[in-house]
N, C-alpha and C. Protein backbone atom coordinates (compact mmCIF):
# COMPACT_ATOMS: atom_id res chain seq x y z
N MET A 1 30.01 -4.00 18.80
CA MET A 1 28.71 -3.37 18.59
C MET A 1 28.47 -2.24 19.59
N ALA A 2 27.95 -1.22 19.07
CA ALA A 2 27.73 -0.01 19.98
C ALA A 2 26.53 -0.22 20.81
N LYS A 3 26.47 0.43 22.04
CA LYS A 3 25.37 0.31 22.86
C LYS A 3 24.15 1.02 22.24
N LEU A 4 23.00 0.50 22.52
CA LEU A 4 21.75 1.18 21.96
C LEU A 4 21.36 2.25 22.94
N THR A 5 20.97 3.40 22.35
CA THR A 5 20.46 4.48 23.19
C THR A 5 18.97 4.35 23.36
N ARG A 6 18.37 5.20 24.26
CA ARG A 6 16.99 5.23 24.41
C ARG A 6 16.26 5.57 23.10
N GLU A 7 16.89 6.48 22.31
CA GLU A 7 16.30 6.80 21.07
C GLU A 7 16.27 5.64 20.10
N ASP A 8 17.37 4.82 20.11
CA ASP A 8 17.42 3.62 19.28
C ASP A 8 16.39 2.63 19.64
N LEU A 9 16.18 2.47 20.92
CA LEU A 9 15.18 1.56 21.41
C LEU A 9 13.71 2.03 21.10
N ALA A 10 13.55 3.33 21.20
CA ALA A 10 12.22 3.88 20.87
C ALA A 10 11.94 3.62 19.36
N LYS A 11 12.95 3.85 18.51
CA LYS A 11 12.84 3.62 17.11
C LYS A 11 12.45 2.20 16.75
N ILE A 12 13.14 1.26 17.40
CA ILE A 12 12.86 -0.19 17.21
C ILE A 12 11.43 -0.52 17.64
N LYS A 13 11.01 0.02 18.73
CA LYS A 13 9.64 -0.27 19.17
C LYS A 13 8.63 0.43 18.24
N GLN A 14 8.84 1.61 17.72
CA GLN A 14 7.99 2.25 16.76
C GLN A 14 7.92 1.49 15.49
N ASP A 15 9.05 0.98 15.00
CA ASP A 15 9.07 0.18 13.75
C ASP A 15 8.24 -1.11 13.94
N ALA A 16 8.31 -1.76 15.13
CA ALA A 16 7.47 -2.94 15.41
C ALA A 16 6.02 -2.67 15.42
N VAL A 17 5.65 -1.51 16.01
CA VAL A 17 4.24 -1.10 16.07
C VAL A 17 3.76 -0.82 14.67
N GLU A 18 4.56 -0.13 13.85
CA GLU A 18 4.16 0.20 12.51
C GLU A 18 4.06 -1.07 11.62
N ALA A 19 4.82 -2.10 11.87
CA ALA A 19 4.79 -3.32 11.10
C ALA A 19 3.46 -4.07 11.33
N GLU A 20 2.83 -3.83 12.42
CA GLU A 20 1.51 -4.55 12.72
C GLU A 20 0.34 -3.79 12.11
N LYS A 21 0.54 -2.62 11.56
CA LYS A 21 -0.58 -1.88 10.99
C LYS A 21 -0.85 -2.30 9.49
N ASN A 22 -2.04 -2.17 9.16
CA ASN A 22 -2.43 -2.38 7.76
C ASN A 22 -2.11 -1.08 6.98
N TRP A 23 -1.54 -1.22 5.69
CA TRP A 23 -1.26 0.03 5.00
C TRP A 23 -1.31 -0.22 3.45
N ILE A 24 -1.47 0.82 2.77
CA ILE A 24 -1.40 0.83 1.28
C ILE A 24 -0.48 1.99 0.90
N LYS A 25 0.45 1.67 0.00
CA LYS A 25 1.35 2.68 -0.54
C LYS A 25 1.09 2.85 -1.98
N VAL A 26 0.89 4.08 -2.43
CA VAL A 26 0.71 4.43 -3.78
C VAL A 26 1.98 5.02 -4.33
N GLY A 27 2.50 4.51 -5.46
CA GLY A 27 3.70 5.06 -6.08
C GLY A 27 3.46 6.42 -6.59
N TYR A 28 4.19 7.39 -5.99
CA TYR A 28 3.88 8.74 -6.21
C TYR A 28 5.12 9.56 -6.79
N SER A 29 5.87 8.87 -7.60
CA SER A 29 6.96 9.64 -8.25
C SER A 29 6.43 10.22 -9.53
N SER A 30 7.30 10.86 -10.27
CA SER A 30 6.74 11.56 -11.48
C SER A 30 6.09 10.58 -12.47
N CYS A 31 6.54 9.38 -12.62
CA CYS A 31 5.91 8.47 -13.56
C CYS A 31 4.54 8.05 -12.98
N GLY A 32 4.43 7.80 -11.68
CA GLY A 32 3.20 7.44 -11.05
C GLY A 32 2.18 8.55 -11.13
N ILE A 33 2.61 9.75 -10.94
CA ILE A 33 1.71 10.93 -11.05
C ILE A 33 1.22 11.11 -12.43
N ALA A 34 2.08 10.91 -13.39
CA ALA A 34 1.78 11.03 -14.79
C ALA A 34 0.70 10.00 -15.26
N ALA A 35 0.80 8.84 -14.56
CA ALA A 35 -0.11 7.66 -14.91
C ALA A 35 -1.38 7.73 -14.18
N GLY A 36 -1.51 8.74 -13.25
CA GLY A 36 -2.83 8.94 -12.54
C GLY A 36 -2.82 8.53 -11.06
N ALA A 37 -1.66 8.53 -10.45
CA ALA A 37 -1.55 8.17 -9.04
C ALA A 37 -2.44 9.00 -8.13
N GLN A 38 -2.53 10.30 -8.41
CA GLN A 38 -3.34 11.14 -7.54
C GLN A 38 -4.79 10.70 -7.50
N GLU A 39 -5.35 10.39 -8.60
CA GLU A 39 -6.73 9.88 -8.62
C GLU A 39 -6.84 8.58 -7.87
N ILE A 40 -5.87 7.65 -8.05
CA ILE A 40 -5.97 6.33 -7.34
C ILE A 40 -5.82 6.58 -5.84
N PHE A 41 -4.91 7.44 -5.42
CA PHE A 41 -4.75 7.78 -4.09
C PHE A 41 -6.12 8.28 -3.42
N ASN A 42 -6.74 9.16 -4.16
CA ASN A 42 -8.01 9.76 -3.67
C ASN A 42 -9.12 8.67 -3.61
N VAL A 43 -9.20 7.85 -4.64
CA VAL A 43 -10.19 6.75 -4.67
C VAL A 43 -9.98 5.80 -3.47
N LEU A 44 -8.68 5.36 -3.25
CA LEU A 44 -8.42 4.48 -2.17
C LEU A 44 -8.82 5.10 -0.79
N ARG A 45 -8.48 6.31 -0.64
CA ARG A 45 -8.87 7.04 0.63
C ARG A 45 -10.41 7.10 0.86
N GLU A 46 -11.11 7.43 -0.22
CA GLU A 46 -12.53 7.57 -0.18
C GLU A 46 -13.21 6.15 0.05
N GLU A 47 -12.70 5.12 -0.67
CA GLU A 47 -13.32 3.85 -0.39
C GLU A 47 -13.01 3.24 0.98
N ALA A 48 -11.80 3.52 1.44
CA ALA A 48 -11.43 3.10 2.75
C ALA A 48 -12.32 3.77 3.76
N ARG A 49 -12.60 5.06 3.60
CA ARG A 49 -13.52 5.73 4.52
C ARG A 49 -14.89 5.22 4.42
N LYS A 50 -15.44 4.94 3.24
CA LYS A 50 -16.82 4.33 2.98
C LYS A 50 -16.96 3.05 3.66
N HIS A 51 -15.89 2.22 3.70
CA HIS A 51 -16.03 0.87 4.26
C HIS A 51 -15.46 0.82 5.67
N ASN A 52 -15.10 1.99 6.17
CA ASN A 52 -14.57 2.12 7.55
C ASN A 52 -13.41 1.12 7.74
N ALA A 53 -12.57 1.04 6.77
CA ALA A 53 -11.43 0.10 6.78
C ALA A 53 -10.28 0.61 7.64
N ASP A 54 -9.74 -0.36 8.38
CA ASP A 54 -8.68 0.02 9.30
C ASP A 54 -7.34 -0.06 8.44
N ILE A 55 -7.05 0.89 7.66
CA ILE A 55 -5.85 0.88 6.85
C ILE A 55 -5.40 2.35 6.60
N GLU A 56 -4.10 2.51 6.63
CA GLU A 56 -3.45 3.75 6.37
C GLU A 56 -3.05 3.86 4.86
N ILE A 57 -3.40 4.85 4.23
CA ILE A 57 -3.07 5.07 2.81
C ILE A 57 -1.94 6.14 2.77
N LYS A 58 -0.80 5.78 2.13
CA LYS A 58 0.38 6.60 2.05
C LYS A 58 0.90 6.72 0.59
N LYS A 59 1.70 7.72 0.42
CA LYS A 59 2.40 7.86 -0.88
C LYS A 59 3.82 7.42 -0.69
N CYS A 60 4.46 6.89 -1.70
CA CYS A 60 5.81 6.48 -1.70
C CYS A 60 6.48 6.84 -2.98
N GLY A 61 7.76 6.61 -3.03
CA GLY A 61 8.49 6.91 -4.28
C GLY A 61 8.43 5.81 -5.35
N CYS A 62 9.32 5.91 -6.26
CA CYS A 62 9.33 4.99 -7.36
C CYS A 62 9.83 3.58 -6.96
N VAL A 63 9.21 2.58 -7.53
CA VAL A 63 9.65 1.21 -7.28
C VAL A 63 10.40 0.64 -8.49
N GLY A 64 10.58 1.43 -9.49
CA GLY A 64 11.41 1.02 -10.61
C GLY A 64 10.70 0.33 -11.81
N MET A 65 9.33 0.34 -11.78
CA MET A 65 8.59 -0.26 -12.82
C MET A 65 7.62 0.76 -13.42
N CYS A 66 8.21 1.71 -14.09
CA CYS A 66 7.48 2.90 -14.62
C CYS A 66 6.30 2.41 -15.52
N SER A 67 6.54 1.43 -16.28
CA SER A 67 5.63 0.99 -17.33
C SER A 67 4.31 0.40 -16.70
N ALA A 68 4.39 0.06 -15.40
CA ALA A 68 3.30 -0.54 -14.68
C ALA A 68 2.48 0.43 -13.80
N GLU A 69 2.89 1.68 -13.83
CA GLU A 69 2.25 2.64 -12.93
C GLU A 69 0.82 2.93 -13.42
N PRO A 70 -0.10 3.29 -12.56
CA PRO A 70 0.12 3.40 -11.11
C PRO A 70 0.28 2.09 -10.37
N ILE A 71 1.24 2.11 -9.52
CA ILE A 71 1.56 0.80 -8.68
C ILE A 71 1.07 1.06 -7.30
N VAL A 72 0.37 0.05 -6.73
CA VAL A 72 -0.11 0.12 -5.35
C VAL A 72 0.39 -1.09 -4.59
N GLU A 73 0.97 -0.88 -3.44
CA GLU A 73 1.47 -1.99 -2.58
C GLU A 73 0.48 -2.06 -1.46
N VAL A 74 0.07 -3.29 -1.08
CA VAL A 74 -0.91 -3.49 0.03
C VAL A 74 -0.34 -4.44 0.99
N CYS A 75 -0.39 -3.98 2.26
CA CYS A 75 0.02 -4.91 3.41
C CYS A 75 -1.14 -4.95 4.38
N VAL A 76 -1.74 -6.17 4.42
CA VAL A 76 -2.86 -6.42 5.32
C VAL A 76 -2.48 -7.59 6.25
N LYS A 77 -2.60 -7.49 7.50
CA LYS A 77 -2.18 -8.44 8.46
C LYS A 77 -2.84 -9.83 8.12
N GLY A 78 -2.06 -10.89 8.05
CA GLY A 78 -2.58 -12.23 7.73
C GLY A 78 -2.55 -12.56 6.29
N LEU A 79 -2.11 -11.56 5.44
CA LEU A 79 -1.98 -11.80 4.01
C LEU A 79 -0.52 -11.37 3.55
N PRO A 80 -0.11 -11.95 2.44
CA PRO A 80 1.19 -11.51 1.93
C PRO A 80 1.11 -10.06 1.42
N ARG A 81 2.26 -9.39 1.37
CA ARG A 81 2.30 -8.08 0.79
C ARG A 81 2.19 -8.22 -0.75
N VAL A 82 1.39 -7.38 -1.35
CA VAL A 82 1.08 -7.51 -2.82
C VAL A 82 1.33 -6.20 -3.52
N HIS A 83 1.97 -6.28 -4.64
CA HIS A 83 2.11 -5.10 -5.58
C HIS A 83 1.09 -5.31 -6.62
N TYR A 84 0.26 -4.31 -6.86
CA TYR A 84 -0.68 -4.25 -7.97
C TYR A 84 -0.21 -3.23 -8.95
N GLY A 85 -0.26 -3.49 -10.28
CA GLY A 85 0.12 -2.60 -11.33
C GLY A 85 -0.96 -2.27 -12.26
N LYS A 86 -0.80 -1.10 -12.93
CA LYS A 86 -1.79 -0.52 -13.82
C LYS A 86 -3.09 -0.44 -13.16
N VAL A 87 -3.12 0.12 -11.91
CA VAL A 87 -4.31 0.34 -11.08
C VAL A 87 -5.17 1.43 -11.68
N ASP A 88 -6.37 1.08 -11.98
CA ASP A 88 -7.33 2.14 -12.36
C ASP A 88 -8.40 2.29 -11.22
N ARG A 89 -9.33 3.19 -11.53
CA ARG A 89 -10.39 3.51 -10.49
C ARG A 89 -11.05 2.19 -10.07
N GLU A 90 -11.51 1.41 -10.95
CA GLU A 90 -12.26 0.10 -10.66
C GLU A 90 -11.39 -0.77 -9.83
N THR A 91 -10.17 -0.95 -10.18
CA THR A 91 -9.20 -1.77 -9.43
C THR A 91 -9.04 -1.29 -8.02
N ALA A 92 -8.87 0.02 -7.84
CA ALA A 92 -8.68 0.62 -6.57
C ALA A 92 -9.86 0.33 -5.63
N VAL A 93 -11.08 0.37 -6.23
CA VAL A 93 -12.27 0.00 -5.44
C VAL A 93 -12.21 -1.49 -5.03
N LYS A 94 -11.82 -2.29 -5.96
CA LYS A 94 -11.68 -3.73 -5.66
C LYS A 94 -10.57 -4.03 -4.61
N ILE A 95 -9.52 -3.24 -4.66
CA ILE A 95 -8.46 -3.43 -3.65
C ILE A 95 -8.98 -3.19 -2.25
N ILE A 96 -9.79 -2.18 -2.06
CA ILE A 96 -10.37 -1.91 -0.75
C ILE A 96 -11.44 -3.01 -0.40
N GLU A 97 -12.34 -3.22 -1.36
CA GLU A 97 -13.48 -4.18 -1.09
C GLU A 97 -12.97 -5.62 -0.91
N ASP A 98 -12.19 -6.11 -1.90
CA ASP A 98 -11.83 -7.46 -1.89
C ASP A 98 -10.53 -7.77 -1.03
N HIS A 99 -9.52 -7.02 -1.25
CA HIS A 99 -8.26 -7.30 -0.61
C HIS A 99 -8.34 -6.89 0.83
N VAL A 100 -8.61 -5.62 1.12
CA VAL A 100 -8.55 -5.08 2.49
C VAL A 100 -9.74 -5.63 3.37
N CYS A 101 -10.97 -5.52 2.77
CA CYS A 101 -12.14 -5.92 3.61
C CYS A 101 -12.46 -7.48 3.47
N GLY A 102 -12.26 -8.01 2.28
CA GLY A 102 -12.61 -9.35 2.06
C GLY A 102 -11.55 -10.39 2.18
N LYS A 103 -10.25 -9.91 2.32
CA LYS A 103 -9.07 -10.71 2.48
C LYS A 103 -8.84 -11.64 1.23
N LEU A 104 -9.20 -11.08 0.10
CA LEU A 104 -8.97 -11.82 -1.23
C LEU A 104 -8.13 -10.97 -2.14
N LEU A 105 -7.25 -11.60 -2.86
CA LEU A 105 -6.37 -10.82 -3.78
C LEU A 105 -7.15 -10.51 -5.07
N VAL A 106 -6.83 -9.40 -5.67
CA VAL A 106 -7.37 -8.86 -6.91
C VAL A 106 -6.40 -9.40 -8.01
N ASN A 107 -6.64 -10.69 -8.39
CA ASN A 107 -5.62 -11.46 -9.16
C ASN A 107 -5.33 -10.86 -10.50
N ASP A 108 -6.18 -10.24 -11.18
CA ASP A 108 -5.93 -9.77 -12.52
C ASP A 108 -4.95 -8.56 -12.54
N HIS A 109 -4.55 -7.96 -11.41
CA HIS A 109 -3.55 -6.83 -11.32
C HIS A 109 -2.36 -7.12 -10.48
N VAL A 110 -2.25 -8.38 -9.97
CA VAL A 110 -1.05 -8.68 -9.14
C VAL A 110 0.17 -8.71 -9.96
N MET A 111 1.19 -7.94 -9.50
CA MET A 111 2.51 -7.90 -10.15
C MET A 111 3.49 -8.79 -9.36
N GLY A 112 3.39 -8.79 -8.07
CA GLY A 112 4.27 -9.54 -7.26
C GLY A 112 3.74 -9.74 -5.85
N ILE A 113 4.18 -10.77 -5.24
CA ILE A 113 3.76 -11.17 -3.83
C ILE A 113 5.00 -11.41 -3.02
N GLN A 114 5.01 -10.85 -1.77
CA GLN A 114 6.14 -11.04 -0.83
C GLN A 114 5.57 -11.79 0.36
N GLY A 115 6.20 -12.89 0.67
CA GLY A 115 5.98 -13.70 1.86
C GLY A 115 4.75 -13.47 2.59
């Protein structure tokens, strides 16, 4: 095994810090954009701002389930990671209010849960 450089150690530390943050990823490939991902991204950012939520909202690529777009993945400390599918404006508001702020899942749009 090769020795770790200072850059390698800095990257490992940065990854650990990032893992502790709350985040939301919006699928932003061509299928997501066609299904309305830009509007969902904007709604999530605005609702997070309104609720002063400690969460980073990011764009990501395709997760391979084009028929379920827009897809939103949510990672909140203390809860499992959740993929929501067919997210509309109302669901995006619920994701911020219920999942991020209330620590409750928005059950009617859950596609998958990870540990």
